[in-house]
C-alpha atoms as a PDB file:
ATOM      1  CA  MET A   1      80.395 -46.793  13.280  1.00  0.00           C
ATOM      2  CA  ASP A   2      79.774 -49.942  12.091  1.00  0.00           C
ATOM      3  CA  SER A   3      78.313 -51.193  15.168  1.00  0.00           C
ATOM      4  CA  LYS A   4      76.190 -48.279  15.208  1.00  0.00           C
ATOM      5  CA  ARG A   5      75.262 -49.600  12.177  1.00  0.00           C
ATOM      6  CA  ASN A   6      74.833 -52.475  12.705  1.00  0.00           C
ATOM      7  CA  SER A   7      72.411 -51.530  15.617  1.00  0.00           C
ATOM      8  CA  VAL A   8      70.366 -49.857  12.551  1.00  0.00           C
ATOM      9  CA  GLN A   9      70.033 -52.406  10.718  1.00  0.00           C
ATOM     10  CA  ALA A  10      69.292 -54.855  13.366  1.00  0.00           C
ATOM     11  CA  LYS A  11      65.360 -54.495  12.751  1.00  0.00           C
ATOM     12  CA  PRO A  12      64.281 -55.440   9.565  1.00  0.00           C
ATOM     13  CA  SER A  13      63.068 -52.341   7.144  1.00  0.00           C
ATOM     14  CA  ILE A  14      59.524 -51.921   5.684  1.00  0.00           C
ATOM     15  CA  VAL A  15      58.220 -51.726   2.421  1.00  0.00           C
ATOM     16  CA  PHE A  16      54.878 -50.529   1.624  1.00  0.00           C
ATOM     17  CA  CYS A  17      52.873 -51.012  -1.559  1.00  0.00           C
ATOM     18  CA  HIS A  18      49.808 -49.277  -2.422  1.00  0.00           C
ATOM     19  CA  GLY A  19      46.295 -50.431  -3.989  1.00  0.00           C
ATOM     20  CA  ILE A  20      44.541 -49.253  -6.811  1.00  0.00           C
ATOM     21  CA  TRP A  21      42.817 -44.820  -5.872  1.00  0.00           C
ATOM     22  CA  ALA A  22      45.820 -44.148  -4.003  1.00  0.00           C
ATOM     23  CA  ASP A  23      49.720 -43.827  -3.304  1.00  0.00           C
ATOM     24  CA  GLY A  24      52.418 -44.240  -1.106  1.00  0.00           C
ATOM     25  CA  SER A  25      51.276 -41.137   1.292  1.00  0.00           C
ATOM     26  CA  CYS A  26      48.129 -44.088   2.542  1.00  0.00           C
ATOM     27  CA  PHE A  27      50.707 -44.937   4.780  1.00  0.00           C
ATOM     28  CA  SER A  28      51.557 -42.054   6.539  1.00  0.00           C
ATOM     29  CA  LYS A  29      49.951 -42.684   9.722  1.00  0.00           C
ATOM     30  CA  LEU A  30      52.039 -45.740  10.165  1.00  0.00           C
ATOM     31  CA  ILE A  31      55.283 -44.228   8.662  1.00  0.00           C
ATOM     32  CA  PRO A  32      56.478 -41.999  11.389  1.00  0.00           C
ATOM     33  CA  THR A  33      56.361 -44.424  14.258  1.00  0.00           C
ATOM     34  CA  LEU A  34      57.717 -47.540  12.376  1.00  0.00           C
ATOM     35  CA  GLN A  35      60.553 -44.878  11.906  1.00  0.00           C
ATOM     36  CA  ALA A  36      60.881 -43.841  15.516  1.00  0.00           C
ATOM     37  CA  GLU A  37      61.059 -47.378  16.124  1.00  0.00           C
ATOM     38  CA  GLY A  38      64.323 -47.830  14.569  1.00  0.00           C
ATOM     39  CA  HIS A  39      63.276 -49.191  10.877  1.00  0.00           C
ATOM     40  CA  GLN A  40      63.998 -48.018   8.135  1.00  0.00           C
ATOM     41  CA  VAL A  41      60.413 -47.404   5.958  1.00  0.00           C
ATOM     42  CA  ILE A  42      60.000 -46.684   2.021  1.00  0.00           C
ATOM     43  CA  ALA A  43      56.749 -46.698   0.410  1.00  0.00           C
ATOM     44  CA  VAL A  44      56.939 -47.629  -3.027  1.00  0.00           C
ATOM     45  CA  GLN A  45      56.276 -45.240  -5.468  1.00  0.00           C
ATOM     46  CA  TYR A  46      54.789 -47.149  -8.624  1.00  0.00           C
ATOM     47  CA  GLY A  47      52.614 -45.675 -11.391  1.00  0.00           C
ATOM     48  CA  LEU A  48      49.712 -48.650 -11.688  1.00  0.00           C
ATOM     49  CA  ASP A  49      50.103 -48.566 -15.358  1.00  0.00           C
ATOM     50  CA  SER A  50      51.150 -52.278 -15.212  1.00  0.00           C
ATOM     51  CA  GLN A  51      51.679 -55.290 -12.794  1.00  0.00           C
ATOM     52  CA  ALA A  52      54.999 -55.741 -13.927  1.00  0.00           C
ATOM     53  CA  ALA A  53      55.970 -52.505 -14.141  1.00  0.00           C
ATOM     54  CA  ASP A  54      54.590 -52.276  -9.986  1.00  0.00           C
ATOM     55  CA  VAL A  55      56.691 -55.118  -9.375  1.00  0.00           C
ATOM     56  CA  ALA A  56      59.645 -53.773 -10.933  1.00  0.00           C
ATOM     57  CA  ALA A  57      59.358 -50.639  -8.926  1.00  0.00           C
ATOM     58  CA  THR A  58      59.019 -52.556  -5.809  1.00  0.00           C
ATOM     59  CA  LYS A  59      62.219 -54.944  -6.293  1.00  0.00           C
ATOM     60  CA  ARG A  60      64.236 -51.203  -7.494  1.00  0.00           C
ATOM     61  CA  THR A  61      63.005 -49.966  -3.866  1.00  0.00           C
ATOM     62  CA  LEU A  62      63.831 -52.755  -2.019  1.00  0.00           C
ATOM     63  CA  GLY A  63      67.674 -51.589  -2.852  1.00  0.00           C
ATOM     64  CA  ARG A  64      67.051 -48.396  -1.134  1.00  0.00           C
ATOM     65  CA  VAL A  65      66.896 -49.797   2.322  1.00  0.00           C
ATOM     66  CA  SER A  66      68.853 -52.160   4.101  1.00  0.00           C
ATOM     67  CA  SER A  67      67.898 -55.937   4.224  1.00  0.00           C
ATOM     68  CA  PRO A  68      65.994 -58.082   4.923  1.00  0.00           C
ATOM     69  CA  ALA A  69      63.058 -56.352   4.587  1.00  0.00           C
ATOM     70  CA  ILE A  70      59.287 -56.896   5.163  1.00  0.00           C
ATOM     71  CA  LEU A  71      56.895 -56.020   2.266  1.00  0.00           C
ATOM     72  CA  VAL A  72      53.493 -54.350   3.079  1.00  0.00           C
ATOM     73  CA  GLY A  73      50.201 -54.143   1.145  1.00  0.00           C
ATOM     74  CA  HIS A  74      46.916 -52.666   1.078  1.00  0.00           C
ATOM     75  CA  SER A  75      44.482 -54.164  -1.756  1.00  0.00           C
ATOM     76  CA  TYR A  76      45.768 -54.576  -4.843  1.00  0.00           C
ATOM     77  CA  GLY A  77      49.286 -54.247  -3.376  1.00  0.00           C
ATOM     78  CA  GLY A  78      48.977 -58.039  -2.067  1.00  0.00           C
ATOM     79  CA  ALA A  79      48.961 -58.990  -5.456  1.00  0.00           C
ATOM     80  CA  VAL A  80      52.046 -56.815  -5.717  1.00  0.00           C
ATOM     81  CA  ILE A  81      53.835 -57.995  -2.610  1.00  0.00           C
ATOM     82  CA  SER A  82      53.087 -61.740  -3.573  1.00  0.00           C
ATOM     83  CA  ALA A  83      54.939 -61.815  -6.812  1.00  0.00           C
ATOM     84  CA  ALA A  84      57.920 -59.138  -5.575  1.00  0.00           C
ATOM     85  CA  GLY A  85      57.646 -61.152  -2.541  1.00  0.00           C
ATOM     86  CA  THR A  86      59.918 -64.001  -3.948  1.00  0.00           C
ATOM     87  CA  ASP A  87      62.963 -61.643  -3.732  1.00  0.00           C
ATOM     88  CA  ASP A  88      65.204 -62.880  -1.512  1.00  0.00           C
ATOM     89  CA  ARG A  89      65.809 -59.893   0.279  1.00  0.00           C
ATOM     90  CA  VAL A  90      62.249 -60.322   1.755  1.00  0.00           C
ATOM     91  CA  VAL A  91      61.642 -62.667   4.673  1.00  0.00           C
ATOM     92  CA  GLY A  92      57.740 -61.763   5.755  1.00  0.00           C
ATOM     93  CA  LEU A  93      54.830 -60.439   3.892  1.00  0.00           C
ATOM     94  CA  VAL A  94      52.057 -58.485   5.361  1.00  0.00           C
ATOM     95  CA  TYR A  95      48.446 -58.064   3.872  1.00  0.00           C
ATOM     96  CA  ILE A  96      46.174 -55.331   4.797  1.00  0.00           C
ATOM     97  CA  ALA A  97      42.448 -55.538   3.079  1.00  0.00           C
ATOM     98  CA  ALA A  98      44.079 -57.468   0.357  1.00  0.00           C
ATOM     99  CA  VAL A  99      44.292 -59.341  -2.703  1.00  0.00           C
ATOM    100  CA  ALA A 100      46.700 -62.191  -3.240  1.00  0.00           C
ATOM    101  CA  PRO A 101      46.074 -64.226  -6.631  1.00  0.00           C
ATOM    102  CA  ASP A 102      47.610 -68.025  -7.075  1.00  0.00           C
ATOM    103  CA  ALA A 103      49.287 -68.960 -10.120  1.00  0.00           C
ATOM    104  CA  HIS A 104      46.330 -69.633 -12.122  1.00  0.00           C
ATOM    105  CA  GLU A 105      44.099 -66.359 -10.951  1.00  0.00           C
ATOM    106  CA  THR A 106      44.372 -62.458 -11.466  1.00  0.00           C
ATOM    107  CA  VAL A 107      42.959 -59.947  -8.959  1.00  0.00           C
ATOM    108  CA  GLN A 108      40.195 -59.571 -11.218  1.00  0.00           C
ATOM    109  CA  SER A 109      39.187 -63.516 -10.758  1.00  0.00           C
ATOM    110  CA  GLN A 110      39.242 -63.055  -7.160  1.00  0.00           C
ATOM    111  CA  LEU A 111      37.343 -59.806  -6.724  1.00  0.00           C
ATOM    112  CA  ASP A 112      34.740 -61.694  -9.686  1.00  0.00           C
ATOM    113  CA  LYS A 113      34.124 -64.406  -7.065  1.00  0.00           C
ATOM    114  CA  TYR A 114      33.100 -61.746  -4.048  1.00  0.00           C
ATOM    115  CA  PRO A 115      31.251 -58.370  -5.682  1.00  0.00           C
ATOM    116  CA  THR A 116      31.133 -55.333  -3.646  1.00  0.00           C
ATOM    117  CA  PRO A 117      29.520 -52.190  -3.868  1.00  0.00           C
ATOM    118  CA  ILE A 118      32.504 -49.804  -4.822  1.00  0.00           C
ATOM    119  CA  PHE A 119      32.498 -51.087  -8.073  1.00  0.00           C
ATOM    120  CA  GLY A 120      29.231 -49.424  -8.889  1.00  0.00           C
ATOM    121  CA  HIS A 121      30.651 -46.036  -8.418  1.00  0.00           C
ATOM    122  CA  ILE A 122      33.307 -46.248 -10.837  1.00  0.00           C
ATOM    123  CA  LYS A 123      33.978 -44.601 -14.342  1.00  0.00           C
ATOM    124  CA  VAL A 124      36.078 -45.583 -17.073  1.00  0.00           C
ATOM    125  CA  ALA A 125      37.547 -43.084 -19.015  1.00  0.00           C
ATOM    126  CA  ASP A 126      41.137 -42.382 -21.011  1.00  0.00           C
ATOM    127  CA  GLY A 127      41.635 -45.689 -20.464  1.00  0.00           C
ATOM    128  CA  ARG A 128      41.955 -45.578 -16.689  1.00  0.00           C
ATOM    129  CA  VAL A 129      39.627 -46.245 -13.887  1.00  0.00           C
ATOM    130  CA  TRP A 130      38.054 -43.576 -11.682  1.00  0.00           C
ATOM    131  CA  MET A 131      35.853 -43.460  -8.495  1.00  0.00           C
ATOM    132  CA  LEU A 132      33.080 -41.486  -8.302  1.00  0.00           C
ATOM    133  CA  PRO A 133      32.893 -39.204  -5.335  1.00  0.00           C
ATOM    134  CA  GLU A 134      29.865 -41.157  -3.970  1.00  0.00           C
ATOM    135  CA  GLY A 135      32.488 -44.153  -4.224  1.00  0.00           C
ATOM    136  CA  VAL A 136      34.308 -42.787  -1.286  1.00  0.00           C
ATOM    137  CA  LYS A 137      31.646 -44.136   1.319  1.00  0.00           C
ATOM    138  CA  ASP A 138      32.432 -47.432  -0.044  1.00  0.00           C
ATOM    139  CA  PHE A 139      36.277 -46.920   0.082  1.00  0.00           C
ATOM    140  CA  ALA A 140      36.919 -45.294   3.671  1.00  0.00           C
ATOM    141  CA  GLY A 141      33.416 -45.205   4.971  1.00  0.00           C
ATOM    142  CA  ASP A 142      34.986 -45.200   8.366  1.00  0.00           C
ATOM    143  CA  LEU A 143      36.906 -41.773   8.078  1.00  0.00           C
ATOM    144  CA  PRO A 144      35.964 -38.341   8.913  1.00  0.00           C
ATOM    145  CA  GLU A 145      34.037 -36.967   6.288  1.00  0.00           C
ATOM    146  CA  GLN A 146      36.754 -34.218   5.777  1.00  0.00           C
ATOM    147  CA  GLU A 147      39.177 -37.322   5.759  1.00  0.00           C
ATOM    148  CA  GLN A 148      37.158 -38.791   2.859  1.00  0.00           C
ATOM    149  CA  LYS A 149      37.276 -35.970   0.881  1.00  0.00           C
ATOM    150  CA  ILE A 150      41.008 -35.763   1.139  1.00  0.00           C
ATOM    151  CA  VAL A 151      40.911 -39.646  -0.157  1.00  0.00           C
ATOM    152  CA  TRP A 152      38.518 -39.064  -3.162  1.00  0.00           C
ATOM    153  CA  ALA A 153      40.978 -35.619  -4.130  1.00  0.00           C
ATOM    154  CA  THR A 154      44.201 -37.683  -4.180  1.00  0.00           C
ATOM    155  CA  HIS A 155      42.872 -41.155  -5.388  1.00  0.00           C
ATOM    156  CA  PHE A 156      44.764 -42.075  -8.375  1.00  0.00           C
ATOM    157  CA  ALA A 157      43.590 -44.230 -10.889  1.00  0.00           C
ATOM    158  CA  PRO A 158      44.598 -47.441 -12.307  1.00  0.00           C
ATOM    159  CA  ASP A 159      44.844 -48.738 -15.927  1.00  0.00           C
ATOM    160  CA  ALA A 160      41.734 -49.847 -16.781  1.00  0.00           C
ATOM    161  CA  ASP A 161      43.486 -53.581 -17.439  1.00  0.00           C
ATOM    162  CA  LEU A 162      45.553 -53.562 -14.641  1.00  0.00           C
ATOM    163  CA  PHE A 163      43.451 -56.380 -12.541  1.00  0.00           C
ATOM    164  CA  ASN A 164      43.360 -58.717 -15.494  1.00  0.00           C
ATOM    165  CA  GLN A 165      47.197 -58.996 -15.654  1.00  0.00           C
ATOM    166  CA  LYS A 166      49.134 -61.330 -14.201  1.00  0.00           C
ATOM    167  CA  VAL A 167      53.200 -61.494 -13.166  1.00  0.00           C
ATOM    168  CA  ASP A 168      54.293 -64.696 -11.856  1.00  0.00           C
ATOM    169  CA  GLY A 169      55.176 -65.176  -8.478  1.00  0.00           C
ATOM    170  CA  THR A 170      53.299 -66.451  -5.088  1.00  0.00           C
ATOM    171  CA  ALA A 171      55.478 -65.807  -2.340  1.00  0.00           C
ATOM    172  CA  TRP A 172      52.940 -66.353   0.211  1.00  0.00           C
ATOM    173  CA  LYS A 173      53.680 -70.141  -0.276  1.00  0.00           C
ATOM    174  CA  SER A 174      57.238 -69.983   0.811  1.00  0.00           C
ATOM    175  CA  LYS A 175      57.263 -66.913   3.436  1.00  0.00           C
ATOM    176  CA  PRO A 176      55.457 -66.117   6.579  1.00  0.00           C
ATOM    177  CA  SER A 177      52.464 -63.847   6.564  1.00  0.00           C
ATOM    178  CA  TRP A 178      50.309 -61.887   7.988  1.00  0.00           C
ATOM    179  CA  SER A 179      46.745 -60.700   7.142  1.00  0.00           C
ATOM    180  CA  ILE A 180      44.824 -58.253   8.363  1.00  0.00           C
ATOM    181  CA  VAL A 181      40.873 -58.893   7.690  1.00  0.00           C
ATOM    182  CA  ALA A 182      38.328 -55.496   7.252  1.00  0.00           C
ATOM    183  CA  THR A 183      35.044 -56.200   8.641  1.00  0.00           C
ATOM    184  CA  GLU A 184      33.170 -53.599   7.340  1.00  0.00           C
ATOM    185  CA  ASP A 185      35.396 -53.405   4.021  1.00  0.00           C
ATOM    186  CA  ARG A 186      32.914 -52.938   0.804  1.00  0.00           C
ATOM    187  CA  THR A 187      35.651 -52.800  -1.731  1.00  0.00           C
ATOM    188  CA  VAL A 188      37.593 -56.269  -1.103  1.00  0.00           C
ATOM    189  CA  HIS A 189      35.035 -58.423   0.538  1.00  0.00           C
ATOM    190  CA  PRO A 190      35.864 -59.370   3.859  1.00  0.00           C
ATOM    191  CA  ASP A 191      34.648 -63.112   3.121  1.00  0.00           C
ATOM    192  CA  LEU A 192      37.455 -63.134   0.157  1.00  0.00           C
ATOM    193  CA  GLU A 193      40.086 -61.408   2.648  1.00  0.00           C
ATOM    194  CA  ARG A 194      39.369 -64.259   5.024  1.00  0.00           C
ATOM    195  CA  PHE A 195      39.629 -66.700   2.267  1.00  0.00           C
ATOM    196  CA  LEU A 196      42.720 -65.798   1.279  1.00  0.00           C
ATOM    197  CA  ALA A 197      44.215 -65.375   4.859  1.00  0.00           C
ATOM    198  CA  LYS A 198      43.157 -69.464   5.131  1.00  0.00           C
ATOM    199  CA  ARG A 199      44.484 -70.223   2.206  1.00  0.00           C
ATOM    200  CA  MET A 200      48.390 -68.567   2.573  1.00  0.00           C
ATOM    201  CA  GLY A 201      48.070 -70.296   6.102  1.00  0.00           C
ATOM    202  CA  ALA A 202      48.502 -66.181   7.533  1.00  0.00           C
ATOM    203  CA  THR A 203      48.789 -64.973  11.136  1.00  0.00           C
ATOM    204  CA  THR A 204      44.985 -63.215  10.674  1.00  0.00           C
ATOM    205  CA  VAL A 205      43.321 -60.391  12.321  1.00  0.00           C
ATOM    206  CA  GLU A 206      40.320 -59.202  12.137  1.00  0.00           C
ATOM    207  CA  VAL A 207      39.296 -55.419  12.569  1.00  0.00           C
ATOM    208  CA  LYS A 208      36.270 -53.187  12.160  1.00  0.00           C
ATOM    209  CA  SER A 209      37.000 -51.410   9.536  1.00  0.00           C
ATOM    210  CA  SER A 210      36.522 -50.287   6.248  1.00  0.00           C
ATOM    211  CA  HIS A 211      38.806 -50.803   3.371  1.00  0.00           C
ATOM    212  CA  VAL A 212      41.558 -48.537   4.562  1.00  0.00           C
ATOM    213  CA  PRO A 213      42.401 -49.758   8.259  1.00  0.00           C
ATOM    214  CA  MET A 214      45.123 -47.803   7.128  1.00  0.00           C
ATOM    215  CA  LEU A 215      43.601 -44.475   7.920  1.00  0.00           C
ATOM    216  CA  SER A 216      41.289 -45.549  10.575  1.00  0.00           C
ATOM    217  CA  GLN A 217      42.664 -47.888  12.792  1.00  0.00           C
ATOM    218  CA  PRO A 218      46.589 -47.109  12.453  1.00  0.00           C
ATOM    219  CA  GLN A 219      47.899 -48.469  15.784  1.00  0.00           C
ATOM    220  CA  LEU A 220      46.206 -52.007  14.691  1.00  0.00           C
ATOM    221  CA  VAL A 221      48.179 -52.024  11.857  1.00  0.00           C
ATOM    222  CA  ILE A 222      51.162 -51.070  13.497  1.00  0.00           C
ATOM    223  CA  ASP A 223      51.225 -53.810  15.885  1.00  0.00           C
ATOM    224  CA  VAL A 224      50.373 -56.345  13.273  1.00  0.00           C
ATOM    225  CA  ILE A 225      53.598 -54.815  11.198  1.00  0.00           C
ATOM    226  CA  ARG A 226      55.565 -54.714  14.834  1.00  0.00           C
ATOM    227  CA  LYS A 227      55.064 -58.868  15.104  1.00  0.00           C
ATOM    228  CA  ALA A 228      56.303 -59.317  11.738  1.00  0.00           C
ATOM    229  CA  ALA A 229      59.062 -57.353  12.256  1.00  0.00           C
ATOM    230  CA  LYS A 230      59.783 -59.267  15.203  1.00  0.00           C
ATOM    231  CA  ALA A 231      59.430 -62.515  14.226  1.00  0.00           C
ATOM    232  CA  ALA A 232      61.204 -61.638  11.005  1.00  0.00           C
ATOM    233  CA  GLN A 233      64.640 -60.663  13.208  1.00  0.00           C
ATOM    234  CA  GLY A 234      63.877 -63.661  15.272  1.00  0.00           C
ATOM    235  CA  ALA A 235      64.858 -65.952  12.442  1.00  0.00           C
ATOM    236  CA  THR A 236      67.103 -64.108  11.021  1.00  0.00           C
ATOM    237  CA  ALA A 237      69.066 -64.026  14.106  1.00  0.00           C
ATOM    238  CA  THR A 238      68.882 -67.847  14.647  1.00  0.00           C
ATOM    239  CA  ALA A 239      69.751 -68.280  10.700  1.00  0.00           C
END
């Protein structure tokens, strides 16, 4: 039994962290393949109520899979994995069209330097930030129309102050990082993604995609996660 368990656990676990206007199901096109290849996979379901709570939820979720683990963050999820990734169980970080604040930065301070069209299509109501229906074109414009409608119908509104919050931790300064830059992104600016990837020293792949390459280009995203996992597995084996 032990040998079988060890063979299953030989590959690092994959833990997904979603952005705003989404939940863990946004990784549904990635999860089955990674599971079939022998990874334990789980998507963190946090509430977008506060960054501290989202980071805490990520650390709790790390406890539900074997270690070591790769954290994969999309969009705002990049801020979450930057903070949660300082956990000793984490051996690598993958950023998908994501932000990655430094110690003196917030998500909002990064986005302010590189404005994008999506934020002209939002409404703040009841303390949350909602995407207006026409905004989905700037969020997921390369998906088929029916998929875009589903993205909007299931979008999960964050707390209005979420992007101004800060949690300690910049894991990309000490953990290997990979970055997927979405060159057609109208939510997080591609030039911001490029700047952050360079600053992190990340292994970077560019893809012609909207803000949601895990939905529009899932195979490419899977390939990047595979490379991160393989590198982490090799480092663990030689440690």
